């Protein structure tokens, strides 16, 4: 990762500039400012027979910080309690197996 730290420095500088433009004292001041979700979304397997167990959904979910998807016995397993509904997994699935549903 030759430029990894440089990318983080650029992101940090960009965020600092944005916060200064908006007269926000720091990232901590944003805590609790998000709107509540009125409907929770979660991932589910729509066409499990088409799943190739490529692992892209697992990587996207892990990199997103949720760790809600795993592969067991060549089958994708989604932990709804850990799923945040971000839909990263559905975007990276090359077979269109993972779909997002709304519910509780």
Foldseek 3Di string as FASTA:
>chain_A
DVCVVVVVVVVVVVVVVVCVVVVHPDPVSCPPVDDDDPWFKFKDFDDQVQDQLPCPLQVQCVVVPQNQWDADPSGIGGNRVSGRRPCSSCVPRPRNGMDMDIDD
